[in-house]
């Protein structure tokens, strides 16, 4: 299965969202999504891994790198990681823009977890 959609506010239908990053010691970070238009709670997601546009920093966090890593090997890993994230983001955006996915986010995610 491959699908994607833009988050939509259940109250006003807006697709303009704000993320609230909530971190507690010993717990997985949670991202709460708030509608930027009406302020309603839209969704919450627990994170296992965070990926940003700073792929170097993200990869360091994921790999917990030691200083003994070969620099050429590390450079290749960064390039491959960056390319993979960029391609996946573009693909998800392309699919979401079609507007074909009509199911609620919890339905899509729930079906994928099973």
N, C-alpha and C. Protein backbone atom coordinates (compact mmCIF):
# COMPACT_ATOMS: atom_id res chain seq x y z
N UNK A 1 0.84 -1.17 0.00
CA UNK A 1 0.00 0.00 0.00
C UNK A 1 0.89 1.25 0.00
N UNK A 2 0.51 2.22 -0.77
CA UNK A 2 1.17 3.52 -0.77
C UNK A 2 0.10 4.59 -0.89
N UNK A 3 0.06 5.49 0.07
CA UNK A 3 -0.92 6.56 0.04
C UNK A 3 -0.38 7.75 0.82
N UNK A 4 -0.96 8.90 0.60
CA UNK A 4 -0.58 10.12 1.32
C UNK A 4 -1.72 11.12 1.21
N UNK A 5 -1.82 11.99 2.19
CA UNK A 5 -2.83 13.05 2.15
C UNK A 5 -2.37 14.18 3.05
N UNK A 6 -2.95 15.35 2.84
CA UNK A 6 -2.68 16.49 3.70
C UNK A 6 -3.59 16.40 4.91
N UNK A 7 -3.07 16.74 6.08
CA UNK A 7 -3.87 16.77 7.30
C UNK A 7 -4.96 17.83 7.13
N UNK A 8 -6.18 17.52 7.55
CA UNK A 8 -7.31 18.44 7.42
C UNK A 8 -8.00 18.60 8.77
N UNK A 9 -8.32 19.82 9.13
CA UNK A 9 -9.00 20.09 10.39
C UNK A 9 -10.42 19.51 10.34
N UNK A 10 -10.80 18.71 11.35
CA UNK A 10 -12.15 18.15 11.37
C UNK A 10 -13.23 19.19 11.67
N UNK A 11 -12.84 20.33 12.22
CA UNK A 11 -13.82 21.37 12.56
C UNK A 11 -14.09 22.34 11.41
N UNK A 12 -13.02 22.88 10.80
CA UNK A 12 -13.22 23.93 9.79
C UNK A 12 -12.77 23.52 8.38
N UNK A 13 -12.11 22.36 8.24
CA UNK A 13 -11.69 21.88 6.93
C UNK A 13 -10.39 22.48 6.41
N UNK A 14 -9.74 23.32 7.20
CA UNK A 14 -8.48 23.95 6.78
C UNK A 14 -7.35 22.92 6.71
N UNK A 15 -6.41 23.16 5.82
CA UNK A 15 -5.21 22.32 5.74
C UNK A 15 -3.98 23.07 6.25
N UNK A 16 -4.20 24.20 6.90
CA UNK A 16 -3.12 24.99 7.48
C UNK A 16 -2.94 24.55 8.94
N UNK A 17 -1.77 23.97 9.25
CA UNK A 17 -1.55 23.38 10.56
C UNK A 17 -0.31 23.94 11.24
N UNK A 18 -0.29 23.81 12.58
CA UNK A 18 0.88 24.12 13.40
C UNK A 18 1.23 22.86 14.17
N UNK A 19 2.52 22.58 14.30
CA UNK A 19 2.97 21.45 15.10
C UNK A 19 3.43 21.93 16.47
N UNK A 20 2.98 21.24 17.50
CA UNK A 20 3.42 21.51 18.86
C UNK A 20 4.27 20.31 19.27
N UNK A 21 5.55 20.55 19.54
CA UNK A 21 6.48 19.48 19.88
C UNK A 21 6.53 19.36 21.40
N UNK A 22 6.11 18.21 21.91
CA UNK A 22 6.03 17.98 23.35
C UNK A 22 7.00 16.88 23.74
N UNK A 23 7.97 17.22 24.62
CA UNK A 23 9.01 16.27 25.01
C UNK A 23 9.02 16.13 26.52
N UNK A 24 9.03 14.87 26.99
CA UNK A 24 9.13 14.56 28.42
C UNK A 24 10.26 13.56 28.61
N UNK A 25 11.01 13.69 29.68
CA UNK A 25 12.11 12.77 29.97
C UNK A 25 11.62 11.33 30.01
N UNK A 26 12.34 10.46 29.32
CA UNK A 26 12.02 9.03 29.34
C UNK A 26 10.85 8.62 28.47
N UNK A 27 10.26 9.54 27.75
CA UNK A 27 9.10 9.24 26.89
C UNK A 27 9.43 9.62 25.46
N UNK A 28 8.74 8.96 24.52
CA UNK A 28 8.89 9.34 23.12
C UNK A 28 8.30 10.73 22.92
N UNK A 29 8.95 11.57 22.12
CA UNK A 29 8.37 12.88 21.82
C UNK A 29 7.02 12.73 21.12
N UNK A 30 6.14 13.68 21.36
CA UNK A 30 4.82 13.67 20.73
C UNK A 30 4.67 14.98 19.96
N UNK A 31 4.14 14.88 18.76
CA UNK A 31 3.81 16.05 17.97
C UNK A 31 2.29 16.18 17.99
N UNK A 32 1.82 17.29 18.54
CA UNK A 32 0.40 17.59 18.50
C UNK A 32 0.16 18.56 17.35
N UNK A 33 -0.86 18.29 16.57
CA UNK A 33 -1.17 19.11 15.40
C UNK A 33 -2.38 19.98 15.73
N UNK A 34 -2.22 21.28 15.55
CA UNK A 34 -3.28 22.24 15.82
C UNK A 34 -3.64 22.95 14.52
N UNK A 35 -4.92 23.17 14.30
CA UNK A 35 -5.36 23.93 13.13
C UNK A 35 -4.90 25.37 13.29
N UNK A 36 -4.20 25.88 12.30
CA UNK A 36 -3.71 27.27 12.34
C UNK A 36 -4.84 28.26 12.14
N UNK A 37 -5.95 27.80 11.57
CA UNK A 37 -7.07 28.71 11.29
C UNK A 37 -7.99 28.87 12.50
N UNK A 38 -8.45 27.74 13.06
CA UNK A 38 -9.44 27.84 14.14
C UNK A 38 -8.88 27.43 15.51
N UNK A 39 -7.67 26.87 15.56
CA UNK A 39 -7.04 26.50 16.82
C UNK A 39 -7.44 25.16 17.37
N UNK A 40 -8.25 24.39 16.65
CA UNK A 40 -8.70 23.08 17.13
C UNK A 40 -7.57 22.05 17.13
N UNK A 41 -7.69 21.08 18.05
CA UNK A 41 -6.81 19.91 18.05
C UNK A 41 -7.15 19.07 16.84
N UNK A 42 -6.13 18.68 16.08
CA UNK A 42 -6.36 17.88 14.88
C UNK A 42 -5.85 16.46 15.07
N UNK A 43 -4.63 16.29 15.59
CA UNK A 43 -4.05 14.96 15.73
C UNK A 43 -2.85 15.01 16.65
N UNK A 44 -2.38 13.82 17.03
CA UNK A 44 -1.14 13.70 17.80
C UNK A 44 -0.38 12.48 17.32
N UNK A 45 0.92 12.60 17.25
CA UNK A 45 1.77 11.52 16.76
C UNK A 45 2.94 11.31 17.70
N UNK A 46 3.20 10.07 18.12
CA UNK A 46 4.39 9.74 18.90
C UNK A 46 5.52 9.46 17.92
N UNK A 47 6.69 10.01 18.21
CA UNK A 47 7.82 9.87 17.29
C UNK A 47 8.81 8.83 17.77
N UNK A 48 9.29 8.03 16.85
CA UNK A 48 10.42 7.14 17.12
C UNK A 48 11.68 7.77 16.57
N UNK A 49 11.58 8.40 15.40
CA UNK A 49 12.71 9.05 14.75
C UNK A 49 12.24 10.37 14.18
N UNK A 50 13.08 11.38 14.31
CA UNK A 50 12.78 12.69 13.76
C UNK A 50 13.71 12.95 12.59
N UNK A 51 13.16 13.38 11.48
CA UNK A 51 13.96 13.68 10.29
C UNK A 51 13.70 15.13 9.92
N UNK A 52 14.78 15.87 9.68
CA UNK A 52 14.63 17.27 9.29
C UNK A 52 15.38 17.52 8.00
N UNK A 53 15.38 18.78 7.57
CA UNK A 53 16.14 19.13 6.37
C UNK A 53 17.64 19.17 6.64
N UNK A 54 18.04 19.03 7.87
CA UNK A 54 19.46 18.97 8.23
C UNK A 54 19.85 17.50 8.32
N UNK A 55 19.99 16.86 7.16
CA UNK A 55 20.18 15.41 7.11
C UNK A 55 21.44 14.95 7.83
N UNK A 56 22.48 15.75 7.82
CA UNK A 56 23.72 15.38 8.51
C UNK A 56 23.45 15.19 10.00
N UNK A 57 22.81 16.17 10.63
CA UNK A 57 22.50 16.09 12.05
C UNK A 57 21.53 14.95 12.35
N UNK A 58 20.56 14.77 11.49
CA UNK A 58 19.59 13.69 11.67
C UNK A 58 20.28 12.34 11.62
N UNK A 59 21.15 12.15 10.63
CA UNK A 59 21.85 10.88 10.48
C UNK A 59 22.75 10.61 11.68
N UNK A 60 23.42 11.62 12.18
CA UNK A 60 24.25 11.44 13.38
C UNK A 60 23.42 10.94 14.55
N UNK A 61 22.25 11.52 14.72
CA UNK A 61 21.37 11.10 15.81
C UNK A 61 20.93 9.65 15.63
N UNK A 62 20.58 9.29 14.41
CA UNK A 62 20.09 7.94 14.14
C UNK A 62 21.19 6.90 14.33
N UNK A 63 22.38 7.21 13.85
CA UNK A 63 23.48 6.25 13.87
C UNK A 63 24.25 6.23 15.19
N UNK A 64 24.13 7.27 16.00
CA UNK A 64 24.94 7.40 17.22
C UNK A 64 26.40 7.13 16.88
N UNK A 65 26.89 7.88 15.91
CA UNK A 65 28.21 7.64 15.35
C UNK A 65 29.34 7.74 16.36
N UNK A 66 30.32 6.88 16.13
CA UNK A 66 31.56 6.94 16.89
C UNK A 66 32.59 7.65 16.04
N UNK A 67 33.61 8.21 16.66
CA UNK A 67 34.62 8.97 15.92
C UNK A 67 35.48 8.11 15.00
N UNK A 68 35.41 6.80 15.13
CA UNK A 68 36.25 5.92 14.32
C UNK A 68 35.69 5.64 12.93
N UNK A 69 34.55 6.21 12.58
CA UNK A 69 33.92 5.96 11.29
C UNK A 69 34.77 6.53 10.15
N UNK A 70 34.96 5.75 9.10
CA UNK A 70 35.70 6.17 7.91
C UNK A 70 34.96 7.35 7.26
N UNK A 71 35.68 8.44 6.99
CA UNK A 71 35.03 9.66 6.48
C UNK A 71 34.42 9.47 5.10
N UNK A 72 35.05 8.67 4.23
CA UNK A 72 34.46 8.43 2.90
C UNK A 72 33.17 7.63 3.03
N UNK A 73 33.20 6.61 3.88
CA UNK A 73 32.01 5.79 4.11
C UNK A 73 30.89 6.66 4.70
N UNK A 74 31.26 7.51 5.63
CA UNK A 74 30.29 8.40 6.26
C UNK A 74 29.68 9.36 5.25
N UNK A 75 30.50 9.92 4.37
CA UNK A 75 30.02 10.83 3.33
C UNK A 75 29.02 10.14 2.42
N UNK A 76 29.32 8.90 2.03
CA UNK A 76 28.40 8.13 1.19
C UNK A 76 27.08 7.87 1.92
N UNK A 77 27.16 7.57 3.20
CA UNK A 77 25.94 7.32 3.98
C UNK A 77 25.08 8.57 4.06
N UNK A 78 25.72 9.72 4.27
CA UNK A 78 24.97 10.98 4.33
C UNK A 78 24.28 11.26 3.00
N UNK A 79 25.02 11.09 1.90
CA UNK A 79 24.46 11.35 0.57
C UNK A 79 23.29 10.43 0.28
N UNK A 80 23.44 9.13 0.59
CA UNK A 80 22.37 8.16 0.35
C UNK A 80 21.16 8.47 1.23
N UNK A 81 21.41 8.79 2.49
CA UNK A 81 20.33 9.11 3.42
C UNK A 81 19.57 10.35 2.95
N UNK A 82 20.31 11.39 2.58
CA UNK A 82 19.70 12.64 2.10
C UNK A 82 18.85 12.40 0.87
N UNK A 83 19.39 11.64 -0.08
CA UNK A 83 18.66 11.36 -1.32
C UNK A 83 17.40 10.56 -1.03
N UNK A 84 17.51 9.57 -0.16
CA UNK A 84 16.36 8.73 0.19
C UNK A 84 15.24 9.55 0.82
N UNK A 85 15.58 10.42 1.77
CA UNK A 85 14.59 11.25 2.44
C UNK A 85 13.95 12.21 1.44
N UNK A 86 14.77 12.84 0.61
CA UNK A 86 14.25 13.81 -0.37
C UNK A 86 13.30 13.13 -1.35
N UNK A 87 13.68 11.93 -1.85
CA UNK A 87 12.83 11.21 -2.79
C UNK A 87 11.51 10.79 -2.14
N UNK A 88 11.58 10.31 -0.90
CA UNK A 88 10.37 9.88 -0.21
C UNK A 88 9.43 11.06 0.04
N UNK A 89 9.99 12.19 0.44
CA UNK A 89 9.19 13.40 0.66
C UNK A 89 8.50 13.83 -0.63
N UNK A 90 9.25 13.87 -1.72
CA UNK A 90 8.68 14.28 -3.01
C UNK A 90 7.57 13.33 -3.43
N UNK A 91 7.77 12.03 -3.21
CA UNK A 91 6.76 11.04 -3.58
C UNK A 91 5.49 11.23 -2.74
N UNK A 92 5.66 11.41 -1.43
CA UNK A 92 4.51 11.62 -0.55
C UNK A 92 3.75 12.89 -0.94
N UNK A 93 4.48 13.95 -1.25
CA UNK A 93 3.85 15.21 -1.65
C UNK A 93 3.09 15.05 -2.96
N UNK A 94 3.69 14.33 -3.90
CA UNK A 94 3.05 14.07 -5.20
C UNK A 94 1.73 13.32 -5.00
N UNK A 95 1.74 12.30 -4.16
CA UNK A 95 0.54 11.51 -3.91
C UNK A 95 -0.51 12.36 -3.18
N UNK A 96 -0.09 13.11 -2.17
CA UNK A 96 -1.03 13.94 -1.40
C UNK A 96 -1.70 14.98 -2.28
N UNK A 97 -0.97 15.54 -3.22
CA UNK A 97 -1.52 16.58 -4.10
C UNK A 97 -2.62 16.06 -5.02
N UNK A 98 -2.66 14.75 -5.26
CA UNK A 98 -3.71 14.19 -6.11
C UNK A 98 -5.08 14.30 -5.44
N UNK A 99 -5.08 14.29 -4.09
CA UNK A 99 -6.34 14.37 -3.35
C UNK A 99 -7.17 13.11 -3.40
N UNK A 100 -6.59 12.01 -3.87
CA UNK A 100 -7.35 10.76 -4.02
C UNK A 100 -7.67 10.10 -2.68
N UNK A 101 -6.79 10.27 -1.70
CA UNK A 101 -6.99 9.61 -0.41
C UNK A 101 -8.04 10.37 0.40
N UNK A 102 -9.16 9.71 0.66
CA UNK A 102 -10.28 10.34 1.37
C UNK A 102 -10.45 9.83 2.79
N UNK A 103 -9.79 8.72 3.13
CA UNK A 103 -9.94 8.15 4.47
C UNK A 103 -9.29 9.07 5.51
N UNK A 104 -9.75 8.96 6.75
CA UNK A 104 -9.16 9.71 7.85
C UNK A 104 -7.76 9.16 8.14
N UNK A 105 -6.90 10.02 8.66
CA UNK A 105 -5.51 9.63 8.95
C UNK A 105 -5.45 8.41 9.86
N UNK A 106 -6.30 8.36 10.90
CA UNK A 106 -6.26 7.23 11.82
C UNK A 106 -6.63 5.91 11.14
N UNK A 107 -7.48 5.97 10.14
CA UNK A 107 -7.85 4.78 9.38
C UNK A 107 -6.67 4.29 8.54
N UNK A 108 -6.02 5.22 7.86
CA UNK A 108 -4.86 4.87 7.03
C UNK A 108 -3.75 4.28 7.89
N UNK A 109 -3.42 4.97 8.98
CA UNK A 109 -2.34 4.52 9.86
C UNK A 109 -2.70 3.20 10.53
N UNK A 110 -3.93 3.06 11.00
CA UNK A 110 -4.38 1.83 11.65
C UNK A 110 -4.30 0.62 10.74
N UNK A 111 -4.65 0.79 9.48
CA UNK A 111 -4.58 -0.32 8.53
C UNK A 111 -3.14 -0.71 8.25
N UNK A 112 -2.23 0.24 8.28
CA UNK A 112 -0.83 -0.03 7.99
C UNK A 112 -0.13 -0.71 9.17
N UNK A 113 -0.61 -0.48 10.39
CA UNK A 113 0.00 -1.06 11.59
C UNK A 113 -0.34 -2.54 11.72
N UNK A 114 -1.50 -2.93 11.27
CA UNK A 114 -1.97 -4.32 11.41
C UNK A 114 -1.12 -5.29 10.65
